[in-house]
Amino acid sequence: ARATAALDRAIDVLMPRDRAASVY
């Protein structure tokens, strides 16, 4: 679970979600 959380954080840093597309 800790490794998965760390991987998820790393993916978010490397490939941020396009927040503008989700809002508009």
mmCIF file of all heavy atoms, coordinates in Angstrom:
data_MODEL
# 
_entry.id   MODEL 
# 
loop_
_atom_site.group_PDB 
_atom_site.id 
_atom_site.type_symbol 
_atom_site.label_atom_id 
_atom_site.label_alt_id 
_atom_site.label_comp_id 
_atom_site.label_asym_id 
_atom_site.label_entity_id 
_atom_site.label_seq_id 
_atom_site.pdbx_PDB_ins_code 
_atom_site.Cartn_x 
_atom_site.Cartn_y 
_atom_site.Cartn_z 
_atom_site.occupancy 
_atom_site.B_iso_or_equiv 
_atom_site.pdbx_formal_charge 
_atom_site.auth_seq_id 
_atom_site.auth_comp_id 
_atom_site.auth_asym_id 
_atom_site.auth_atom_id 
_atom_site.pdbx_PDB_model_num 
ATOM 1   N N   . ALA A 1 1  ? 0.834   -1.205 0.000   1.00 0.00 ? 1  ALA A N   1 
ATOM 2   C CA  . ALA A 1 1  ? 0.000   0.000  0.000   1.00 0.00 ? 1  ALA A CA  1 
ATOM 3   C C   . ALA A 1 1  ? 0.867   1.253  0.000   1.00 0.00 ? 1  ALA A C   1 
ATOM 4   O O   . ALA A 1 1  ? 0.590   2.211  -0.732  1.00 0.00 ? 1  ALA A O   1 
ATOM 5   C CB  . ALA A 1 1  ? -0.937  -0.009 1.205   1.00 0.00 ? 1  ALA A CB  1 
ATOM 6   N N   . ARG A 1 2  ? 1.939   1.246  0.805   1.00 0.00 ? 2  ARG A N   1 
ATOM 7   C CA  . ARG A 1 2  ? 2.851   2.395  0.824   1.00 0.00 ? 2  ARG A CA  1 
ATOM 8   C C   . ARG A 1 2  ? 3.550   2.558  -0.516  1.00 0.00 ? 2  ARG A C   1 
ATOM 9   O O   . ARG A 1 2  ? 3.691   3.671  -1.029  1.00 0.00 ? 2  ARG A O   1 
ATOM 10  C CB  . ARG A 1 2  ? 3.883   2.239  1.943   1.00 0.00 ? 2  ARG A CB  1 
ATOM 11  C CG  . ARG A 1 2  ? 3.342   2.571  3.310   1.00 0.00 ? 2  ARG A CG  1 
ATOM 12  C CD  . ARG A 1 2  ? 4.453   2.739  4.347   1.00 0.00 ? 2  ARG A CD  1 
ATOM 13  N NE  . ARG A 1 2  ? 5.346   1.606  4.434   1.00 0.00 ? 2  ARG A NE  1 
ATOM 14  C CZ  . ARG A 1 2  ? 5.177   0.566  5.238   1.00 0.00 ? 2  ARG A CZ  1 
ATOM 15  N NH1 . ARG A 1 2  ? 4.137   0.521  6.039   1.00 0.00 ? 2  ARG A NH1 1 
ATOM 16  N NH2 . ARG A 1 2  ? 6.030   -0.423 5.251   1.00 0.00 ? 2  ARG A NH2 1 
ATOM 17  N N   . ALA A 1 3  ? 3.982   1.456  -1.115  1.00 0.00 ? 3  ALA A N   1 
ATOM 18  C CA  . ALA A 1 3  ? 4.651   1.523  -2.415  1.00 0.00 ? 3  ALA A CA  1 
ATOM 19  C C   . ALA A 1 3  ? 3.692   2.028  -3.489  1.00 0.00 ? 3  ALA A C   1 
ATOM 20  O O   . ALA A 1 3  ? 4.076   2.831  -4.347  1.00 0.00 ? 3  ALA A O   1 
ATOM 21  C CB  . ALA A 1 3  ? 5.203   0.148  -2.791  1.00 0.00 ? 3  ALA A CB  1 
ATOM 22  N N   . THR A 1 4  ? 2.458   1.585  -3.436  1.00 0.00 ? 4  THR A N   1 
ATOM 23  C CA  . THR A 1 4  ? 1.462   2.031  -4.410  1.00 0.00 ? 4  THR A CA  1 
ATOM 24  C C   . THR A 1 4  ? 1.202   3.529  -4.261  1.00 0.00 ? 4  THR A C   1 
ATOM 25  O O   . THR A 1 4  ? 1.119   4.257  -5.257  1.00 0.00 ? 4  THR A O   1 
ATOM 26  C CB  . THR A 1 4  ? 0.148   1.240  -4.235  1.00 0.00 ? 4  THR A CB  1 
ATOM 27  O OG1 . THR A 1 4  ? 0.426   -0.144 -4.446  1.00 0.00 ? 4  THR A OG1 1 
ATOM 28  C CG2 . THR A 1 4  ? -0.918  1.696  -5.208  1.00 0.00 ? 4  THR A CG2 1 
ATOM 29  N N   . ALA A 1 5  ? 1.080   3.997  -3.029  1.00 0.00 ? 5  ALA A N   1 
ATOM 30  C CA  . ALA A 1 5  ? 0.861   5.423  -2.789  1.00 0.00 ? 5  ALA A CA  1 
ATOM 31  C C   . ALA A 1 5  ? 2.041   6.243  -3.299  1.00 0.00 ? 5  ALA A C   1 
ATOM 32  O O   . ALA A 1 5  ? 1.858   7.303  -3.917  1.00 0.00 ? 5  ALA A O   1 
ATOM 33  C CB  . ALA A 1 5  ? 0.618   5.683  -1.308  1.00 0.00 ? 5  ALA A CB  1 
ATOM 34  N N   . ALA A 1 6  ? 3.258   5.775  -3.053  1.00 0.00 ? 6  ALA A N   1 
ATOM 35  C CA  . ALA A 1 6  ? 4.451   6.486  -3.529  1.00 0.00 ? 6  ALA A CA  1 
ATOM 36  C C   . ALA A 1 6  ? 4.479   6.511  -5.053  1.00 0.00 ? 6  ALA A C   1 
ATOM 37  O O   . ALA A 1 6  ? 4.812   7.542  -5.661  1.00 0.00 ? 6  ALA A O   1 
ATOM 38  C CB  . ALA A 1 6  ? 5.714   5.821  -2.979  1.00 0.00 ? 6  ALA A CB  1 
ATOM 39  N N   . LEU A 1 7  ? 4.126   5.411  -5.680  1.00 0.00 ? 7  LEU A N   1 
ATOM 40  C CA  . LEU A 1 7  ? 4.093   5.350  -7.141  1.00 0.00 ? 7  LEU A CA  1 
ATOM 41  C C   . LEU A 1 7  ? 3.034   6.301  -7.687  1.00 0.00 ? 7  LEU A C   1 
ATOM 42  O O   . LEU A 1 7  ? 3.273   7.020  -8.660  1.00 0.00 ? 7  LEU A O   1 
ATOM 43  C CB  . LEU A 1 7  ? 3.820   3.915  -7.608  1.00 0.00 ? 7  LEU A CB  1 
ATOM 44  C CG  . LEU A 1 7  ? 3.736   3.708  -9.113  1.00 0.00 ? 7  LEU A CG  1 
ATOM 45  C CD1 . LEU A 1 7  ? 5.045   4.104  -9.786  1.00 0.00 ? 7  LEU A CD1 1 
ATOM 46  C CD2 . LEU A 1 7  ? 3.402   2.260  -9.420  1.00 0.00 ? 7  LEU A CD2 1 
ATOM 47  N N   . ASP A 1 8  ? 1.877   6.333  -7.061  1.00 0.00 ? 8  ASP A N   1 
ATOM 48  C CA  . ASP A 1 8  ? 0.821   7.252  -7.497  1.00 0.00 ? 8  ASP A CA  1 
ATOM 49  C C   . ASP A 1 8  ? 1.273   8.704  -7.400  1.00 0.00 ? 8  ASP A C   1 
ATOM 50  O O   . ASP A 1 8  ? 1.014   9.504  -8.302  1.00 0.00 ? 8  ASP A O   1 
ATOM 51  C CB  . ASP A 1 8  ? -0.448  7.047  -6.661  1.00 0.00 ? 8  ASP A CB  1 
ATOM 52  C CG  . ASP A 1 8  ? -1.173  5.760  -7.002  1.00 0.00 ? 8  ASP A CG  1 
ATOM 53  O OD1 . ASP A 1 8  ? -0.868  5.145  -8.057  1.00 0.00 ? 8  ASP A OD1 1 
ATOM 54  O OD2 . ASP A 1 8  ? -2.045  5.355  -6.202  1.00 0.00 ? 8  ASP A OD2 1 
ATOM 55  N N   . ARG A 1 9  ? 1.980   9.052  -6.308  1.00 0.00 ? 9  ARG A N   1 
ATOM 56  C CA  . ARG A 1 9  ? 2.485   10.423 -6.166  1.00 0.00 ? 9  ARG A CA  1 
ATOM 57  C C   . ARG A 1 9  ? 3.513   10.734 -7.250  1.00 0.00 ? 9  ARG A C   1 
ATOM 58  O O   . ARG A 1 9  ? 3.505   11.821 -7.827  1.00 0.00 ? 9  ARG A O   1 
ATOM 59  C CB  . ARG A 1 9  ? 3.084   10.636 -4.781  1.00 0.00 ? 9  ARG A CB  1 
ATOM 60  C CG  . ARG A 1 9  ? 2.041   10.748 -3.680  1.00 0.00 ? 9  ARG A CG  1 
ATOM 61  C CD  . ARG A 1 9  ? 2.656   11.200 -2.359  1.00 0.00 ? 9  ARG A CD  1 
ATOM 62  N NE  . ARG A 1 9  ? 3.713   10.344 -1.867  1.00 0.00 ? 9  ARG A NE  1 
ATOM 63  C CZ  . ARG A 1 9  ? 3.531   9.253  -1.124  1.00 0.00 ? 9  ARG A CZ  1 
ATOM 64  N NH1 . ARG A 1 9  ? 2.316   8.880  -0.789  1.00 0.00 ? 9  ARG A NH1 1 
ATOM 65  N NH2 . ARG A 1 9  ? 4.559   8.544  -0.716  1.00 0.00 ? 9  ARG A NH2 1 
ATOM 66  N N   . ALA A 1 10 ? 4.391   9.775  -7.533  1.00 0.00 ? 10 ALA A N   1 
ATOM 67  C CA  . ALA A 1 10 ? 5.404   9.993  -8.570  1.00 0.00 ? 10 ALA A CA  1 
ATOM 68  C C   . ALA A 1 10 ? 4.753   10.174 -9.937  1.00 0.00 ? 10 ALA A C   1 
ATOM 69  O O   . ALA A 1 10 ? 5.160   11.045 -10.722 1.00 0.00 ? 10 ALA A O   1 
ATOM 70  C CB  . ALA A 1 10 ? 6.382   8.817  -8.603  1.00 0.00 ? 10 ALA A CB  1 
ATOM 71  N N   . ILE A 1 11 ? 3.742   9.400  -10.221 1.00 0.00 ? 11 ILE A N   1 
ATOM 72  C CA  . ILE A 1 11 ? 3.046   9.525  -11.507 1.00 0.00 ? 11 ILE A CA  1 
ATOM 73  C C   . ILE A 1 11 ? 2.359   10.885 -11.593 1.00 0.00 ? 11 ILE A C   1 
ATOM 74  O O   . ILE A 1 11 ? 2.390   11.538 -12.640 1.00 0.00 ? 11 ILE A O   1 
ATOM 75  C CB  . ILE A 1 11 ? 2.036   8.373  -11.691 1.00 0.00 ? 11 ILE A CB  1 
ATOM 76  C CG1 . ILE A 1 11 ? 2.800   7.076  -11.969 1.00 0.00 ? 11 ILE A CG1 1 
ATOM 77  C CG2 . ILE A 1 11 ? 1.056   8.670  -12.819 1.00 0.00 ? 11 ILE A CG2 1 
ATOM 78  C CD1 . ILE A 1 11 ? 1.933   5.832  -11.979 1.00 0.00 ? 11 ILE A CD1 1 
ATOM 79  N N   . ASP A 1 12 ? 1.755   11.338 -10.502 1.00 0.00 ? 12 ASP A N   1 
ATOM 80  C CA  . ASP A 1 12 ? 1.114   12.656 -10.496 1.00 0.00 ? 12 ASP A CA  1 
ATOM 81  C C   . ASP A 1 12 ? 2.119   13.771 -10.755 1.00 0.00 ? 12 ASP A C   1 
ATOM 82  O O   . ASP A 1 12 ? 1.796   14.764 -11.409 1.00 0.00 ? 12 ASP A O   1 
ATOM 83  C CB  . ASP A 1 12 ? 0.390   12.908 -9.172  1.00 0.00 ? 12 ASP A CB  1 
ATOM 84  C CG  . ASP A 1 12 ? -0.918  12.149 -9.081  1.00 0.00 ? 12 ASP A CG  1 
ATOM 85  O OD1 . ASP A 1 12 ? -1.433  11.679 -10.126 1.00 0.00 ? 12 ASP A OD1 1 
ATOM 86  O OD2 . ASP A 1 12 ? -1.441  12.012 -7.952  1.00 0.00 ? 12 ASP A OD2 1 
ATOM 87  N N   . VAL A 1 13 ? 3.343   13.627 -10.234 1.00 0.00 ? 13 VAL A N   1 
ATOM 88  C CA  . VAL A 1 13 ? 4.371   14.645 -10.461 1.00 0.00 ? 13 VAL A CA  1 
ATOM 89  C C   . VAL A 1 13 ? 4.856   14.600 -11.897 1.00 0.00 ? 13 VAL A C   1 
ATOM 90  O O   . VAL A 1 13 ? 5.006   15.631 -12.558 1.00 0.00 ? 13 VAL A O   1 
ATOM 91  C CB  . VAL A 1 13 ? 5.561   14.443 -9.492  1.00 0.00 ? 13 VAL A CB  1 
ATOM 92  C CG1 . VAL A 1 13 ? 6.756   15.280 -9.893  1.00 0.00 ? 13 VAL A CG1 1 
ATOM 93  C CG2 . VAL A 1 13 ? 5.129   14.779 -8.069  1.00 0.00 ? 13 VAL A CG2 1 
ATOM 94  N N   . LEU A 1 14 ? 5.073   13.395 -12.421 1.00 0.00 ? 14 LEU A N   1 
ATOM 95  C CA  . LEU A 1 14 ? 5.598   13.251 -13.777 1.00 0.00 ? 14 LEU A CA  1 
ATOM 96  C C   . LEU A 1 14 ? 4.554   13.526 -14.852 1.00 0.00 ? 14 LEU A C   1 
ATOM 97  O O   . LEU A 1 14 ? 4.885   14.024 -15.925 1.00 0.00 ? 14 LEU A O   1 
ATOM 98  C CB  . LEU A 1 14 ? 6.171   11.839 -13.964 1.00 0.00 ? 14 LEU A CB  1 
ATOM 99  C CG  . LEU A 1 14 ? 7.383   11.507 -13.104 1.00 0.00 ? 14 LEU A CG  1 
ATOM 100 C CD1 . LEU A 1 14 ? 7.746   10.034 -13.248 1.00 0.00 ? 14 LEU A CD1 1 
ATOM 101 C CD2 . LEU A 1 14 ? 8.565   12.392 -13.494 1.00 0.00 ? 14 LEU A CD2 1 
ATOM 102 N N   . MET A 1 15 ? 3.314   13.178 -14.555 1.00 0.00 ? 15 MET A N   1 
ATOM 103 C CA  . MET A 1 15 ? 2.248   13.350 -15.542 1.00 0.00 ? 15 MET A CA  1 
ATOM 104 C C   . MET A 1 15 ? 1.051   14.012 -14.863 1.00 0.00 ? 15 MET A C   1 
ATOM 105 O O   . MET A 1 15 ? 0.048   13.356 -14.567 1.00 0.00 ? 15 MET A O   1 
ATOM 106 C CB  . MET A 1 15 ? 1.840   11.991 -16.125 1.00 0.00 ? 15 MET A CB  1 
ATOM 107 C CG  . MET A 1 15 ? 2.977   11.296 -16.808 1.00 0.00 ? 15 MET A CG  1 
ATOM 108 S SD  . MET A 1 15 ? 2.684   9.662  -17.507 1.00 0.00 ? 15 MET A SD  1 
ATOM 109 C CE  . MET A 1 15 ? 1.116   9.130  -16.973 1.00 0.00 ? 15 MET A CE  1 
ATOM 110 N N   . PRO A 1 16 ? 1.154   15.330 -14.606 1.00 0.00 ? 16 PRO A N   1 
ATOM 111 C CA  . PRO A 1 16 ? 0.050   15.989 -13.908 1.00 0.00 ? 16 PRO A CA  1 
ATOM 112 C C   . PRO A 1 16 ? -1.227  15.920 -14.739 1.00 0.00 ? 16 PRO A C   1 
ATOM 113 O O   . PRO A 1 16 ? -1.188  15.941 -15.960 1.00 0.00 ? 16 PRO A O   1 
ATOM 114 C CB  . PRO A 1 16 ? 0.531   17.425 -13.727 1.00 0.00 ? 16 PRO A CB  1 
ATOM 115 C CG  . PRO A 1 16 ? 1.693   17.591 -14.611 1.00 0.00 ? 16 PRO A CG  1 
ATOM 116 C CD  . PRO A 1 16 ? 2.218   16.241 -14.962 1.00 0.00 ? 16 PRO A CD  1 
ATOM 117 N N   . ARG A 1 17 ? -2.323  15.855 -14.044 1.00 0.00 ? 17 ARG A N   1 
ATOM 118 C CA  . ARG A 1 17 ? -3.617  15.837 -14.723 1.00 0.00 ? 17 ARG A CA  1 
ATOM 119 C C   . ARG A 1 17 ? -3.906  17.227 -15.264 1.00 0.00 ? 17 ARG A C   1 
ATOM 120 O O   . ARG A 1 17 ? -3.561  18.224 -14.649 1.00 0.00 ? 17 ARG A O   1 
ATOM 121 C CB  . ARG A 1 17 ? -4.706  15.419 -13.748 1.00 0.00 ? 17 ARG A CB  1 
ATOM 122 C CG  . ARG A 1 17 ? -4.522  14.000 -13.293 1.00 0.00 ? 17 ARG A CG  1 
ATOM 123 C CD  . ARG A 1 17 ? -5.705  13.579 -12.440 1.00 0.00 ? 17 ARG A CD  1 
ATOM 124 N NE  . ARG A 1 17 ? -5.449  12.239 -11.948 1.00 0.00 ? 17 ARG A NE  1 
ATOM 125 C CZ  . ARG A 1 17 ? -5.395  11.910 -10.677 1.00 0.00 ? 17 ARG A CZ  1 
ATOM 126 N NH1 . ARG A 1 17 ? -5.608  12.805 -9.755  1.00 0.00 ? 17 ARG A NH1 1 
ATOM 127 N NH2 . ARG A 1 17 ? -5.155  10.679 -10.312 1.00 0.00 ? 17 ARG A NH2 1 
ATOM 128 N N   . ASP A 1 18 ? -4.575  17.274 -16.377 1.00 0.00 ? 18 ASP A N   1 
ATOM 129 C CA  . ASP A 1 18 ? -4.958  18.545 -16.971 1.00 0.00 ? 18 ASP A CA  1 
ATOM 130 C C   . ASP A 1 18 ? -6.190  19.051 -16.227 1.00 0.00 ? 18 ASP A C   1 
ATOM 131 O O   . ASP A 1 18 ? -7.314  18.694 -16.544 1.00 0.00 ? 18 ASP A O   1 
ATOM 132 C CB  . ASP A 1 18 ? -5.237  18.363 -18.463 1.00 0.00 ? 18 ASP A CB  1 
ATOM 133 C CG  . ASP A 1 18 ? -5.486  19.683 -19.169 1.00 0.00 ? 18 ASP A CG  1 
ATOM 134 O OD1 . ASP A 1 18 ? -5.327  20.746 -18.529 1.00 0.00 ? 18 ASP A OD1 1 
ATOM 135 O OD2 . ASP A 1 18 ? -5.845  19.658 -20.361 1.00 0.00 ? 18 ASP A OD2 1 
ATOM 136 N N   . ARG A 1 19 ? -5.945  19.850 -15.214 1.00 0.00 ? 19 ARG A N   1 
ATOM 137 C CA  . ARG A 1 19 ? -7.034  20.315 -14.351 1.00 0.00 ? 19 ARG A CA  1 
ATOM 138 C C   . ARG A 1 19 ? -7.992  21.242 -15.104 1.00 0.00 ? 19 ARG A C   1 
ATOM 139 O O   . ARG A 1 19 ? -9.175  21.243 -14.840 1.00 0.00 ? 19 ARG A O   1 
ATOM 140 C CB  . ARG A 1 19 ? -6.474  21.003 -13.130 1.00 0.00 ? 19 ARG A CB  1 
ATOM 141 C CG  . ARG A 1 19 ? -5.574  20.071 -12.326 1.00 0.00 ? 19 ARG A CG  1 
ATOM 142 C CD  . ARG A 1 19 ? -5.653  20.358 -10.865 1.00 0.00 ? 19 ARG A CD  1 
ATOM 143 N NE  . ARG A 1 19 ? -4.671  19.588 -10.148 1.00 0.00 ? 19 ARG A NE  1 
ATOM 144 C CZ  . ARG A 1 19 ? -4.877  18.359 -9.675  1.00 0.00 ? 19 ARG A CZ  1 
ATOM 145 N NH1 . ARG A 1 19 ? -6.025  17.790 -9.868  1.00 0.00 ? 19 ARG A NH1 1 
ATOM 146 N NH2 . ARG A 1 19 ? -3.942  17.726 -9.025  1.00 0.00 ? 19 ARG A NH2 1 
ATOM 147 N N   . ALA A 1 20 ? -7.493  22.029 -16.056 1.00 0.00 ? 20 ALA A N   1 
ATOM 148 C CA  . ALA A 1 20 ? -8.368  22.928 -16.793 1.00 0.00 ? 20 ALA A CA  1 
ATOM 149 C C   . ALA A 1 20 ? -9.407  22.146 -17.582 1.00 0.00 ? 20 ALA A C   1 
ATOM 150 O O   . ALA A 1 20 ? -10.562 22.534 -17.671 1.00 0.00 ? 20 ALA A O   1 
ATOM 151 C CB  . ALA A 1 20 ? -7.538  23.805 -17.729 1.00 0.00 ? 20 ALA A CB  1 
ATOM 152 N N   . ALA A 1 21 ? -9.001  21.020 -18.148 1.00 0.00 ? 21 ALA A N   1 
ATOM 153 C CA  . ALA A 1 21 ? -9.941  20.219 -18.928 1.00 0.00 ? 21 ALA A CA  1 
ATOM 154 C C   . ALA A 1 21 ? -11.033 19.639 -18.040 1.00 0.00 ? 21 ALA A C   1 
ATOM 155 O O   . ALA A 1 21 ? -12.174 19.518 -18.471 1.00 0.00 ? 21 ALA A O   1 
ATOM 156 C CB  . ALA A 1 21 ? -9.201  19.098 -19.655 1.00 0.00 ? 21 ALA A CB  1 
ATOM 157 N N   . SER A 1 22 ? -10.693 19.310 -16.806 1.00 0.00 ? 22 SER A N   1 
ATOM 158 C CA  . SER A 1 22 ? -11.712 18.722 -15.945 1.00 0.00 ? 22 SER A CA  1 
ATOM 159 C C   . SER A 1 22 ? -12.668 19.780 -15.397 1.00 0.00 ? 22 SER A C   1 
ATOM 160 O O   . SER A 1 22 ? -13.810 19.494 -15.099 1.00 0.00 ? 22 SER A O   1 
ATOM 161 C CB  . SER A 1 22 ? -11.061 17.948 -14.799 1.00 0.00 ? 22 SER A CB  1 
ATOM 162 O OG  . SER A 1 22 ? -10.352 18.836 -13.973 1.00 0.00 ? 22 SER A OG  1 
ATOM 163 N N   . VAL A 1 23 ? -12.217 21.044 -15.299 1.00 0.00 ? 23 VAL A N   1 
ATOM 164 C CA  . VAL A 1 23 ? -13.077 22.101 -14.805 1.00 0.00 ? 23 VAL A CA  1 
ATOM 165 C C   . VAL A 1 23 ? -13.955 22.656 -15.924 1.00 0.00 ? 23 VAL A C   1 
ATOM 166 O O   . VAL A 1 23 ? -15.134 22.891 -15.760 1.00 0.00 ? 23 VAL A O   1 
ATOM 167 C CB  . VAL A 1 23 ? -12.233 23.240 -14.173 1.00 0.00 ? 23 VAL A CB  1 
ATOM 168 C CG1 . VAL A 1 23 ? -13.105 24.423 -13.791 1.00 0.00 ? 23 VAL A CG1 1 
ATOM 169 C CG2 . VAL A 1 23 ? -11.484 22.713 -12.964 1.00 0.00 ? 23 VAL A CG2 1 
ATOM 170 N N   . TYR A 1 24 ? -13.351 22.844 -17.098 1.00 0.00 ? 24 TYR A N   1 
ATOM 171 C CA  . TYR A 1 24 ? -14.068 23.423 -18.223 1.00 0.00 ? 24 TYR A CA  1 
ATOM 172 C C   . TYR A 1 24 ? -14.227 22.380 -19.322 1.00 0.00 ? 24 TYR A C   1 
ATOM 173 O O   . TYR A 1 24 ? -13.675 22.498 -20.400 1.00 0.00 ? 24 TYR A O   1 
ATOM 174 C CB  . TYR A 1 24 ? -13.306 24.629 -18.774 1.00 0.00 ? 24 TYR A CB  1 
ATOM 175 C CG  . TYR A 1 24 ? -13.117 25.708 -17.749 1.00 0.00 ? 24 TYR A CG  1 
ATOM 176 C CD1 . TYR A 1 24 ? -11.895 25.923 -17.145 1.00 0.00 ? 24 TYR A CD1 1 
ATOM 177 C CD2 . TYR A 1 24 ? -14.196 26.501 -17.372 1.00 0.00 ? 24 TYR A CD2 1 
ATOM 178 C CE1 . TYR A 1 24 ? -11.740 26.901 -16.182 1.00 0.00 ? 24 TYR A CE1 1 
ATOM 179 C CE2 . TYR A 1 24 ? -14.047 27.485 -16.418 1.00 0.00 ? 24 TYR A CE2 1 
ATOM 180 C CZ  . TYR A 1 24 ? -12.822 27.678 -15.825 1.00 0.00 ? 24 TYR A CZ  1 
ATOM 181 O OH  . TYR A 1 24 ? -12.678 28.645 -14.882 1.00 0.00 ? 24 TYR A OH  1 
# 
